[in-house]
């Protein structure tokens, strides 16, 4: 399997970045939804620190994904796809990339405005990107939560569209992003049985 994207499928680097990001999003989403209810203590502090570290990792992966996409391009649209579907897919990808950057950045601002240190898995500290500010903290917290629900909605829609293509349109939209799978021939390109 090629590292770089080809005209008909995603390469192994894009697949690795895609699925790693998804797993991290599920993990950080679960942490974010449950950590506020934890009892105060070292466990809660450690969970918040983990949430922040995963967020910084997602921010880094998003920057790498964007750079790789600019370098490696993207596969051609599935033959026979309507232009409106291609446009919606492009806009959805653009929105997802934007959210992958905006969500962790809003968390970083939230953390900075609250005056807490930001470490990446306890290995090194990241600088505050704003001073301590209660009003900014409240605004960043609101935006961070709003961005989470926007991301969750778009991810569900994105996955639903992939399954729709796979199950009903029977094209390679989903298959060409699955690990270790070869794209199948499009139905419109198959030759009828003799």
N, C-alpha and C. Protein backbone atom coordinates (compact mmCIF):
# COMPACT_ATOMS: atom_id res chain seq x y z
N UNK A 1 0.85 -1.17 0.00
CA UNK A 1 0.00 0.00 0.00
C UNK A 1 0.89 1.24 0.00
N UNK A 2 0.63 2.16 -0.91
CA UNK A 2 1.49 3.35 -0.99
C UNK A 2 1.30 4.27 0.22
N UNK A 3 2.37 4.98 0.58
CA UNK A 3 2.29 5.95 1.66
C UNK A 3 1.45 7.16 1.24
N UNK A 4 1.68 7.60 0.00
CA UNK A 4 1.02 8.80 -0.49
C UNK A 4 -0.33 8.44 -1.10
N UNK A 5 -1.24 9.41 -1.09
CA UNK A 5 -2.55 9.20 -1.70
C UNK A 5 -2.40 9.02 -3.20
N UNK A 6 -3.25 8.18 -3.77
CA UNK A 6 -3.27 8.00 -5.22
C UNK A 6 -4.57 8.60 -5.75
N UNK A 7 -4.79 8.50 -7.04
CA UNK A 7 -6.00 9.08 -7.63
C UNK A 7 -7.26 8.34 -7.21
N UNK A 8 -7.12 7.06 -6.79
CA UNK A 8 -8.33 6.31 -6.47
C UNK A 8 -8.43 5.84 -5.01
N UNK A 9 -7.42 6.16 -4.18
CA UNK A 9 -7.51 5.72 -2.78
C UNK A 9 -6.61 6.57 -1.89
N UNK A 10 -6.92 6.52 -0.60
CA UNK A 10 -6.10 7.20 0.39
C UNK A 10 -4.89 6.34 0.69
N UNK A 11 -3.73 6.96 0.85
CA UNK A 11 -2.51 6.24 1.18
C UNK A 11 -2.46 5.89 2.66
N UNK A 12 -1.47 5.11 3.03
CA UNK A 12 -1.39 4.62 4.41
C UNK A 12 -1.15 5.74 5.43
N UNK A 13 -0.44 6.81 5.06
CA UNK A 13 -0.22 7.92 6.00
C UNK A 13 -1.55 8.62 6.30
N UNK A 14 -2.34 8.90 5.27
CA UNK A 14 -3.64 9.55 5.47
C UNK A 14 -4.56 8.67 6.30
N UNK A 15 -4.55 7.38 6.04
CA UNK A 15 -5.39 6.46 6.82
C UNK A 15 -4.97 6.43 8.28
N UNK A 16 -3.67 6.36 8.53
CA UNK A 16 -3.18 6.34 9.90
C UNK A 16 -3.58 7.62 10.64
N UNK A 17 -3.41 8.76 9.99
CA UNK A 17 -3.77 10.04 10.61
C UNK A 17 -5.28 10.13 10.85
N UNK A 18 -6.07 9.67 9.89
CA UNK A 18 -7.52 9.70 10.00
C UNK A 18 -8.02 8.87 11.17
N UNK A 19 -7.62 7.61 11.24
CA UNK A 19 -8.13 6.71 12.27
C UNK A 19 -7.55 7.02 13.65
N UNK A 20 -6.31 7.48 13.70
CA UNK A 20 -5.73 7.89 14.99
C UNK A 20 -6.49 9.09 15.53
N UNK A 21 -6.77 10.06 14.66
CA UNK A 21 -7.52 11.24 15.08
C UNK A 21 -8.91 10.84 15.58
N UNK A 22 -9.58 9.95 14.87
CA UNK A 22 -10.91 9.52 15.30
C UNK A 22 -10.87 8.87 16.68
N UNK A 23 -9.92 7.97 16.90
CA UNK A 23 -9.81 7.31 18.20
C UNK A 23 -9.54 8.33 19.31
N UNK A 24 -8.67 9.29 19.04
CA UNK A 24 -8.38 10.32 20.04
C UNK A 24 -9.61 11.20 20.30
N UNK A 25 -10.38 11.49 19.25
CA UNK A 25 -11.60 12.30 19.42
C UNK A 25 -12.62 11.58 20.30
N UNK A 26 -12.78 10.28 20.08
CA UNK A 26 -13.72 9.51 20.90
C UNK A 26 -13.25 9.51 22.36
N UNK A 27 -11.96 9.29 22.56
CA UNK A 27 -11.40 9.25 23.91
C UNK A 27 -11.54 10.59 24.61
N UNK A 28 -11.13 11.67 23.94
CA UNK A 28 -11.18 12.99 24.57
C UNK A 28 -12.63 13.44 24.78
N UNK A 29 -13.52 13.06 23.85
CA UNK A 29 -14.93 13.40 24.02
C UNK A 29 -15.52 12.74 25.26
N UNK A 30 -15.20 11.45 25.43
CA UNK A 30 -15.67 10.72 26.61
C UNK A 30 -15.11 11.35 27.89
N UNK A 31 -13.82 11.67 27.88
CA UNK A 31 -13.22 12.32 29.05
C UNK A 31 -13.90 13.66 29.34
N UNK A 32 -14.10 14.45 28.29
CA UNK A 32 -14.69 15.76 28.46
C UNK A 32 -16.11 15.71 29.01
N UNK A 33 -16.86 14.70 28.61
CA UNK A 33 -18.24 14.58 29.09
C UNK A 33 -18.34 14.02 30.51
N UNK A 34 -17.31 13.33 30.97
CA UNK A 34 -17.39 12.68 32.28
C UNK A 34 -16.51 13.30 33.37
N UNK A 35 -15.48 14.03 32.99
CA UNK A 35 -14.50 14.46 33.99
C UNK A 35 -15.04 15.50 34.97
N UNK A 36 -16.01 16.30 34.56
CA UNK A 36 -16.57 17.29 35.46
C UNK A 36 -17.30 16.68 36.65
N UNK A 37 -17.78 15.45 36.48
CA UNK A 37 -18.52 14.77 37.55
C UNK A 37 -17.63 13.99 38.50
N UNK A 38 -16.33 13.94 38.22
CA UNK A 38 -15.43 13.20 39.09
C UNK A 38 -15.28 13.91 40.43
N UNK A 39 -15.08 13.15 41.51
CA UNK A 39 -14.85 13.80 42.81
C UNK A 39 -13.51 14.54 42.79
N UNK A 40 -13.45 15.66 43.48
CA UNK A 40 -12.20 16.42 43.54
C UNK A 40 -11.10 15.57 44.16
N UNK A 41 -9.92 15.68 43.59
CA UNK A 41 -8.79 14.91 44.09
C UNK A 41 -7.78 14.66 42.99
N UNK A 42 -6.76 13.88 43.28
CA UNK A 42 -5.70 13.61 42.30
C UNK A 42 -6.20 12.95 41.02
N UNK A 43 -7.21 12.09 41.14
CA UNK A 43 -7.75 11.42 39.95
C UNK A 43 -8.38 12.40 38.98
N UNK A 44 -9.10 13.37 39.51
CA UNK A 44 -9.73 14.38 38.67
C UNK A 44 -8.66 15.25 38.02
N UNK A 45 -7.66 15.64 38.77
CA UNK A 45 -6.58 16.45 38.22
C UNK A 45 -5.86 15.69 37.10
N UNK A 46 -5.60 14.40 37.33
CA UNK A 46 -4.92 13.58 36.31
C UNK A 46 -5.79 13.44 35.06
N UNK A 47 -7.11 13.32 35.24
CA UNK A 47 -8.01 13.19 34.09
C UNK A 47 -8.04 14.47 33.27
N UNK A 48 -8.08 15.61 33.96
CA UNK A 48 -8.03 16.90 33.25
C UNK A 48 -6.70 17.05 32.50
N UNK A 49 -5.61 16.64 33.14
CA UNK A 49 -4.30 16.73 32.48
C UNK A 49 -4.25 15.83 31.25
N UNK A 50 -4.83 14.64 31.35
CA UNK A 50 -4.88 13.73 30.20
C UNK A 50 -5.71 14.34 29.08
N UNK A 51 -6.86 14.90 29.41
CA UNK A 51 -7.73 15.55 28.43
C UNK A 51 -6.96 16.64 27.67
N UNK A 52 -6.22 17.45 28.42
CA UNK A 52 -5.45 18.54 27.81
C UNK A 52 -4.34 17.99 26.91
N UNK A 53 -3.67 16.94 27.36
CA UNK A 53 -2.58 16.35 26.56
C UNK A 53 -3.10 15.76 25.27
N UNK A 54 -4.24 15.09 25.34
CA UNK A 54 -4.84 14.54 24.12
C UNK A 54 -5.25 15.67 23.19
N UNK A 55 -5.77 16.76 23.76
CA UNK A 55 -6.15 17.91 22.93
C UNK A 55 -4.96 18.50 22.18
N UNK A 56 -3.83 18.63 22.86
CA UNK A 56 -2.62 19.13 22.19
C UNK A 56 -2.16 18.15 21.11
N UNK A 57 -2.31 16.86 21.38
CA UNK A 57 -1.96 15.84 20.38
C UNK A 57 -2.85 15.97 19.15
N UNK A 58 -4.15 16.17 19.37
CA UNK A 58 -5.07 16.34 18.25
C UNK A 58 -4.73 17.59 17.45
N UNK A 59 -4.38 18.67 18.14
CA UNK A 59 -3.97 19.90 17.45
C UNK A 59 -2.75 19.65 16.57
N UNK A 60 -1.78 18.94 17.10
CA UNK A 60 -0.57 18.61 16.34
C UNK A 60 -0.90 17.73 15.14
N UNK A 61 -1.72 16.70 15.38
CA UNK A 61 -2.11 15.81 14.28
C UNK A 61 -2.90 16.55 13.21
N UNK A 62 -3.73 17.50 13.62
CA UNK A 62 -4.50 18.28 12.65
C UNK A 62 -3.56 19.09 11.76
N UNK A 63 -2.54 19.70 12.35
CA UNK A 63 -1.57 20.46 11.55
C UNK A 63 -0.82 19.54 10.60
N UNK A 64 -0.45 18.35 11.08
CA UNK A 64 0.24 17.37 10.23
C UNK A 64 -0.68 16.91 9.11
N UNK A 65 -1.96 16.65 9.45
CA UNK A 65 -2.92 16.20 8.44
C UNK A 65 -3.09 17.23 7.34
N UNK A 66 -3.21 18.49 7.72
CA UNK A 66 -3.39 19.56 6.73
C UNK A 66 -2.15 19.65 5.84
N UNK A 67 -0.96 19.62 6.45
CA UNK A 67 0.27 19.68 5.67
C UNK A 67 0.37 18.47 4.72
N UNK A 68 0.02 17.28 5.23
CA UNK A 68 0.10 16.08 4.40
C UNK A 68 -0.92 16.14 3.26
N UNK A 69 -2.11 16.64 3.56
CA UNK A 69 -3.14 16.76 2.52
C UNK A 69 -2.69 17.72 1.43
N UNK A 70 -2.05 18.83 1.82
CA UNK A 70 -1.54 19.78 0.82
C UNK A 70 -0.44 19.15 -0.02
N UNK A 71 0.38 18.30 0.61
CA UNK A 71 1.47 17.64 -0.10
C UNK A 71 0.98 16.46 -0.94
N UNK A 72 0.17 15.59 -0.33
CA UNK A 72 -0.20 14.33 -0.96
C UNK A 72 -1.49 14.41 -1.77
N UNK A 73 -2.23 15.51 -1.64
CA UNK A 73 -3.48 15.63 -2.37
C UNK A 73 -4.56 14.71 -1.82
N UNK A 74 -5.58 14.53 -2.60
CA UNK A 74 -6.70 13.66 -2.22
C UNK A 74 -7.09 12.84 -3.44
N UNK A 75 -7.67 11.67 -3.22
CA UNK A 75 -8.15 10.89 -4.35
C UNK A 75 -9.21 11.65 -5.15
N UNK A 76 -9.33 11.29 -6.40
CA UNK A 76 -10.38 11.87 -7.23
C UNK A 76 -11.74 11.48 -6.68
N UNK A 77 -12.76 12.29 -6.95
CA UNK A 77 -14.11 11.89 -6.53
C UNK A 77 -14.49 10.54 -7.15
N UNK A 78 -15.39 9.85 -6.50
CA UNK A 78 -15.89 8.58 -7.02
C UNK A 78 -16.56 8.85 -8.36
N UNK A 79 -16.24 8.07 -9.39
CA UNK A 79 -16.87 8.28 -10.70
C UNK A 79 -18.40 8.21 -10.59
N UNK A 80 -19.05 9.16 -11.21
CA UNK A 80 -20.51 9.20 -11.20
C UNK A 80 -21.12 9.94 -10.03
N UNK A 81 -20.28 10.43 -9.11
CA UNK A 81 -20.82 11.19 -7.97
C UNK A 81 -21.36 12.53 -8.46
N UNK A 82 -22.55 12.91 -8.00
CA UNK A 82 -23.07 14.23 -8.37
C UNK A 82 -22.18 15.34 -7.83
N UNK A 83 -22.13 16.45 -8.56
CA UNK A 83 -21.29 17.58 -8.13
C UNK A 83 -21.70 18.09 -6.76
N UNK A 84 -23.00 18.09 -6.43
CA UNK A 84 -23.43 18.60 -5.14
C UNK A 84 -22.87 17.75 -4.00
N UNK A 85 -22.75 16.43 -4.22
CA UNK A 85 -22.17 15.57 -3.19
C UNK A 85 -20.69 15.87 -3.01
N UNK A 86 -20.00 16.10 -4.13
CA UNK A 86 -18.57 16.44 -4.05
C UNK A 86 -18.38 17.75 -3.29
N UNK A 87 -19.24 18.73 -3.54
CA UNK A 87 -19.13 20.02 -2.86
C UNK A 87 -19.40 19.88 -1.37
N UNK A 88 -20.44 19.12 -1.02
CA UNK A 88 -20.75 18.91 0.40
C UNK A 88 -19.60 18.18 1.08
N UNK A 89 -19.03 17.17 0.41
CA UNK A 89 -17.90 16.44 0.99
C UNK A 89 -16.71 17.37 1.21
N UNK A 90 -16.42 18.23 0.25
CA UNK A 90 -15.31 19.18 0.39
C UNK A 90 -15.55 20.16 1.54
N UNK A 91 -16.77 20.68 1.63
CA UNK A 91 -17.09 21.61 2.71
C UNK A 91 -17.05 20.92 4.07
N UNK A 92 -17.50 19.68 4.12
CA UNK A 92 -17.45 18.93 5.38
C UNK A 92 -16.02 18.70 5.82
N UNK A 93 -15.15 18.30 4.87
CA UNK A 93 -13.74 18.10 5.22
C UNK A 93 -13.11 19.41 5.70
N UNK A 94 -13.41 20.49 5.03
CA UNK A 94 -12.88 21.79 5.42
C UNK A 94 -13.35 22.16 6.84
N UNK A 95 -14.63 21.94 7.11
CA UNK A 95 -15.17 22.24 8.44
C UNK A 95 -14.53 21.35 9.50
N UNK A 96 -14.32 20.06 9.19
CA UNK A 96 -13.70 19.15 10.15
C UNK A 96 -12.27 19.58 10.45
N UNK A 97 -11.52 19.94 9.43
CA UNK A 97 -10.14 20.41 9.66
C UNK A 97 -10.16 21.68 10.51
N UNK A 98 -11.08 22.60 10.21
CA UNK A 98 -11.18 23.82 11.00
C UNK A 98 -11.49 23.54 12.46
N UNK A 99 -12.41 22.61 12.70
CA UNK A 99 -12.77 22.24 14.07
C UNK A 99 -11.64 21.52 14.78
N UNK A 100 -10.87 20.71 14.04
CA UNK A 100 -9.73 20.01 14.65
C UNK A 100 -8.66 21.00 15.12
N UNK A 101 -8.63 22.18 14.51
CA UNK A 101 -7.73 23.22 14.97
C UNK A 101 -8.38 24.09 16.06
N UNK A 102 -9.64 24.47 15.83
CA UNK A 102 -10.30 25.42 16.71
C UNK A 102 -10.60 24.84 18.09
N UNK A 103 -11.00 23.57 18.15
CA UNK A 103 -11.35 22.99 19.44
C UNK A 103 -10.17 22.95 20.41
N UNK A 104 -9.03 22.39 20.02
CA UNK A 104 -7.90 22.40 20.96
C UNK A 104 -7.40 23.81 21.27
N UNK A 105 -7.44 24.70 20.29
CA UNK A 105 -7.00 26.08 20.55
C UNK A 105 -7.93 26.76 21.56
N UNK A 106 -9.23 26.50 21.45
CA UNK A 106 -10.15 27.08 22.43
C UNK A 106 -9.89 26.49 23.82
N UNK A 107 -9.53 25.21 23.87
CA UNK A 107 -9.18 24.60 25.15
C UNK A 107 -7.90 25.19 25.73
N UNK A 108 -6.95 25.48 24.85
CA UNK A 108 -5.68 26.09 25.28
C UNK A 108 -5.95 27.48 25.86
N UNK A 109 -6.81 28.25 25.16
CA UNK A 109 -7.18 29.58 25.66
C UNK A 109 -7.91 29.46 27.00
N UNK A 110 -8.83 28.51 27.09
CA UNK A 110 -9.58 28.27 28.34
C UNK A 110 -8.61 27.99 29.48
N UNK A 111 -7.65 27.09 29.22
CA UNK A 111 -6.67 26.72 30.24
C UNK A 111 -5.80 27.92 30.63
N UNK A 112 -5.35 28.66 29.63
CA UNK A 112 -4.50 29.83 29.90
C UNK A 112 -5.26 30.89 30.70
N UNK A 113 -6.51 31.13 30.31
CA UNK A 113 -7.31 32.16 30.99
C UNK A 113 -7.65 31.76 32.43
N UNK A 114 -7.62 30.45 32.72
CA UNK A 114 -7.89 30.00 34.09
C UNK A 114 -6.63 30.06 34.95
N UNK A 115 -5.47 30.23 34.32
CA UNK A 115 -4.22 30.35 35.05
C UNK A 115 -3.55 29.03 35.39
N UNK A 116 -4.04 27.94 34.82
CA UNK A 116 -3.44 26.63 35.10
C UNK A 116 -2.27 26.37 34.15
N UNK A 117 -1.27 25.62 34.58
CA UNK A 117 -0.18 25.24 33.67
C UNK A 117 -0.68 24.20 32.67
N UNK A 118 -0.07 24.18 31.52
CA UNK A 118 -0.44 23.22 30.48
C UNK A 118 0.78 22.38 30.15
N UNK A 119 0.68 21.09 30.45
CA UNK A 119 1.77 20.15 30.17
C UNK A 119 1.30 19.13 29.15
N UNK A 120 2.24 18.63 28.38
CA UNK A 120 1.94 17.56 27.44
C UNK A 120 2.46 16.26 28.04
N UNK A 121 1.52 15.45 28.54
CA UNK A 121 1.81 14.17 29.18
C UNK A 121 2.93 14.26 30.22
N UNK A 122 3.02 15.42 30.90
CA UNK A 122 4.01 15.61 31.95
C UNK A 122 5.44 15.73 31.46
N UNK A 123 5.63 15.80 30.13
CA UNK A 123 6.98 15.83 29.57
C UNK A 123 7.53 17.25 29.45
N UNK A 124 6.68 18.19 29.09
CA UNK A 124 7.12 19.59 28.99
C UNK A 124 5.91 20.50 29.10
N UNK A 125 6.18 21.74 29.47
CA UNK A 125 5.13 22.75 29.60
C UNK A 125 4.97 23.51 28.29
N UNK A 126 3.73 23.87 28.02
CA UNK A 126 3.44 24.74 26.88
C UNK A 126 3.15 26.13 27.42
N UNK A 127 3.47 27.17 26.65
CA UNK A 127 3.26 28.53 27.16
C UNK A 127 1.76 28.88 27.19
N UNK A 128 1.42 29.77 28.11
CA UNK A 128 0.06 30.31 28.12
C UNK A 128 -0.08 31.23 26.91
N UNK A 129 -1.24 31.20 26.28
CA UNK A 129 -1.44 32.07 25.11
C UNK A 129 -2.31 33.29 25.45
N UNK A 130 -2.64 33.41 26.72
CA UNK A 130 -3.32 34.59 27.22
C UNK A 130 -3.09 34.67 28.73
N UNK A 131 -3.30 35.82 29.28
CA UNK A 131 -3.18 35.96 30.73
C UNK A 131 -4.43 35.45 31.43
N UNK A 132 -4.36 35.36 32.74
CA UNK A 132 -5.50 34.91 33.53
C UNK A 132 -6.62 35.94 33.40
N UNK A 133 -7.82 35.45 33.04
CA UNK A 133 -8.94 36.35 32.76
C UNK A 133 -10.23 35.55 32.92
N UNK A 134 -11.00 35.88 33.95
CA UNK A 134 -12.21 35.11 34.25
C UNK A 134 -13.23 35.18 33.12
N UNK A 135 -13.47 36.38 32.58
CA UNK A 135 -14.46 36.53 31.51
C UNK A 135 -14.04 35.77 30.26
N UNK A 136 -12.75 35.85 29.91
CA UNK A 136 -12.25 35.10 28.76
C UNK A 136 -12.37 33.60 29.01
N UNK A 137 -12.10 33.18 30.24
CA UNK A 137 -12.25 31.77 30.60
C UNK A 137 -13.68 31.28 30.36
N UNK A 138 -14.66 32.07 30.81
CA UNK A 138 -16.06 31.70 30.64
C UNK A 138 -16.43 31.64 29.16
N UNK A 139 -15.97 32.63 28.38
CA UNK A 139 -16.26 32.64 26.95
C UNK A 139 -15.60 31.45 26.25
N UNK A 140 -14.34 31.18 26.57
CA UNK A 140 -13.63 30.07 25.96
C UNK A 140 -14.27 28.73 26.32
N UNK A 141 -14.75 28.62 27.55
CA UNK A 141 -15.42 27.38 27.97
C UNK A 141 -16.70 27.17 27.16
N UNK A 142 -17.47 28.22 26.96
CA UNK A 142 -18.70 28.16 26.17
C UNK A 142 -18.37 27.77 24.72
N UNK A 143 -17.38 28.44 24.14
CA UNK A 143 -17.00 28.15 22.75
C UNK A 143 -16.47 26.73 22.62
N UNK A 144 -15.66 26.29 23.57
CA UNK A 144 -15.09 24.94 23.55
C UNK A 144 -16.20 23.89 23.54
N UNK A 145 -17.19 24.09 24.38
CA UNK A 145 -18.31 23.14 24.43
C UNK A 145 -19.12 23.18 23.14
N UNK A 146 -19.39 24.37 22.63
CA UNK A 146 -20.13 24.51 21.39
C UNK A 146 -19.38 23.83 20.23
N UNK A 147 -18.06 24.03 20.18
CA UNK A 147 -17.25 23.40 19.13
C UNK A 147 -17.28 21.88 19.26
N UNK A 148 -17.31 21.37 20.49
CA UNK A 148 -17.40 19.92 20.68
C UNK A 148 -18.67 19.36 20.05
N UNK A 149 -19.81 20.01 20.32
CA UNK A 149 -21.06 19.49 19.76
C UNK A 149 -21.10 19.65 18.25
N UNK A 150 -20.53 20.72 17.73
CA UNK A 150 -20.43 20.88 16.28
C UNK A 150 -19.58 19.77 15.69
N UNK A 151 -18.44 19.46 16.34
CA UNK A 151 -17.56 18.39 15.87
C UNK A 151 -18.28 17.04 15.93
N UNK A 152 -18.94 16.75 17.05
CA UNK A 152 -19.65 15.48 17.19
C UNK A 152 -20.71 15.33 16.10
N UNK A 153 -21.44 16.40 15.82
CA UNK A 153 -22.47 16.36 14.78
C UNK A 153 -21.87 16.10 13.42
N UNK A 154 -20.79 16.82 13.10
CA UNK A 154 -20.16 16.64 11.78
C UNK A 154 -19.55 15.26 11.63
N UNK A 155 -18.95 14.73 12.69
CA UNK A 155 -18.35 13.39 12.62
C UNK A 155 -19.44 12.36 12.35
N UNK A 156 -20.58 12.48 13.04
CA UNK A 156 -21.69 11.54 12.82
C UNK A 156 -22.21 11.65 11.39
N UNK A 157 -22.39 12.87 10.90
CA UNK A 157 -22.84 13.07 9.52
C UNK A 157 -21.84 12.52 8.52
N UNK A 158 -20.56 12.75 8.77
CA UNK A 158 -19.49 12.27 7.90
C UNK A 158 -19.50 10.74 7.84
N UNK A 159 -19.59 10.11 9.00
CA UNK A 159 -19.63 8.64 9.05
C UNK A 159 -20.91 8.11 8.41
N UNK A 160 -22.04 8.77 8.65
CA UNK A 160 -23.30 8.34 8.05
C UNK A 160 -23.24 8.40 6.53
N UNK A 161 -22.63 9.46 6.01
CA UNK A 161 -22.50 9.59 4.56
C UNK A 161 -21.63 8.47 4.00
N UNK A 162 -20.54 8.14 4.71
CA UNK A 162 -19.67 7.05 4.24
C UNK A 162 -20.42 5.72 4.22
N UNK A 163 -21.19 5.46 5.29
CA UNK A 163 -21.97 4.22 5.32
C UNK A 163 -23.08 4.23 4.27
N UNK A 164 -23.69 5.37 4.03
CA UNK A 164 -24.71 5.48 2.98
C UNK A 164 -24.10 5.12 1.62
N UNK A 165 -22.93 5.68 1.34
CA UNK A 165 -22.26 5.36 0.08
C UNK A 165 -21.95 3.87 -0.01
N UNK A 166 -21.50 3.30 1.10
CA UNK A 166 -21.10 1.89 1.11
C UNK A 166 -22.31 0.96 0.96
N UNK A 167 -23.36 1.23 1.71
CA UNK A 167 -24.51 0.31 1.77
C UNK A 167 -25.52 0.52 0.65
N UNK A 168 -25.73 1.78 0.25
CA UNK A 168 -26.79 2.05 -0.71
C UNK A 168 -26.29 2.41 -2.10
N UNK A 169 -25.22 3.20 -2.16
CA UNK A 169 -24.68 3.52 -3.47
C UNK A 169 -23.66 2.49 -3.93
N UNK A 170 -23.23 1.67 -2.99
CA UNK A 170 -22.29 0.57 -3.25
C UNK A 170 -21.04 1.04 -4.01
N UNK A 171 -20.49 2.17 -3.55
CA UNK A 171 -19.26 2.65 -4.15
C UNK A 171 -18.12 2.52 -3.14
N UNK A 172 -16.93 2.96 -3.52
CA UNK A 172 -15.72 2.73 -2.71
C UNK A 172 -15.40 3.86 -1.75
N UNK A 173 -16.35 4.77 -1.49
CA UNK A 173 -16.08 5.90 -0.61
C UNK A 173 -15.52 5.44 0.74
N UNK A 174 -16.16 4.48 1.37
CA UNK A 174 -15.70 3.99 2.67
C UNK A 174 -14.52 3.05 2.50
N UNK A 175 -14.61 2.15 1.56
CA UNK A 175 -13.57 1.12 1.39
C UNK A 175 -12.19 1.71 1.14
N UNK A 176 -12.11 2.82 0.46
CA UNK A 176 -10.79 3.36 0.15
C UNK A 176 -10.15 4.09 1.32
N UNK A 177 -10.88 4.23 2.45
CA UNK A 177 -10.28 4.79 3.66
C UNK A 177 -10.04 3.71 4.72
N UNK A 178 -10.57 2.51 4.51
CA UNK A 178 -10.37 1.44 5.49
C UNK A 178 -8.95 0.91 5.43
N UNK A 179 -8.36 0.58 6.57
CA UNK A 179 -7.00 0.05 6.59
C UNK A 179 -6.90 -1.27 5.83
N UNK A 180 -5.87 -1.38 5.00
CA UNK A 180 -5.56 -2.64 4.33
C UNK A 180 -6.56 -3.11 3.31
N UNK A 181 -7.48 -2.24 2.90
CA UNK A 181 -8.50 -2.66 1.94
C UNK A 181 -8.19 -2.07 0.58
N UNK A 182 -8.37 -2.86 -0.44
CA UNK A 182 -8.25 -2.36 -1.81
C UNK A 182 -9.60 -1.81 -2.24
N UNK A 183 -9.57 -0.77 -3.04
CA UNK A 183 -10.82 -0.21 -3.56
C UNK A 183 -11.45 -1.21 -4.49
N UNK A 184 -12.78 -1.29 -4.43
CA UNK A 184 -13.43 -2.17 -5.37
C UNK A 184 -13.82 -1.38 -6.60
N UNK A 185 -14.14 -2.10 -7.66
CA UNK A 185 -14.53 -1.46 -8.91
C UNK A 185 -15.90 -0.84 -8.72
N UNK A 186 -16.08 0.35 -9.25
CA UNK A 186 -17.37 1.02 -9.14
C UNK A 186 -18.42 0.26 -9.93
N UNK A 187 -19.68 0.19 -9.45
CA UNK A 187 -20.70 -0.53 -10.16
C UNK A 187 -20.90 -0.04 -11.60
N UNK A 188 -20.74 1.26 -11.79
CA UNK A 188 -20.95 1.81 -13.14
C UNK A 188 -19.85 1.38 -14.11
N UNK A 189 -18.72 0.88 -13.55
CA UNK A 189 -17.60 0.48 -14.40
C UNK A 189 -17.51 -1.02 -14.58
N UNK A 190 -18.36 -1.77 -13.85
CA UNK A 190 -18.31 -3.23 -13.95
C UNK A 190 -18.86 -3.67 -15.29
N UNK A 191 -18.35 -4.77 -15.77
CA UNK A 191 -18.87 -5.35 -17.01
C UNK A 191 -19.91 -6.36 -16.66
N UNK A 192 -21.03 -6.42 -17.40
CA UNK A 192 -22.08 -7.37 -17.07
C UNK A 192 -21.60 -8.80 -17.27
N UNK A 193 -22.20 -9.70 -16.49
CA UNK A 193 -21.85 -11.12 -16.66
C UNK A 193 -22.30 -11.59 -18.03
N UNK A 194 -21.48 -12.50 -18.60
CA UNK A 194 -21.80 -13.01 -19.93
C UNK A 194 -22.80 -14.14 -19.83
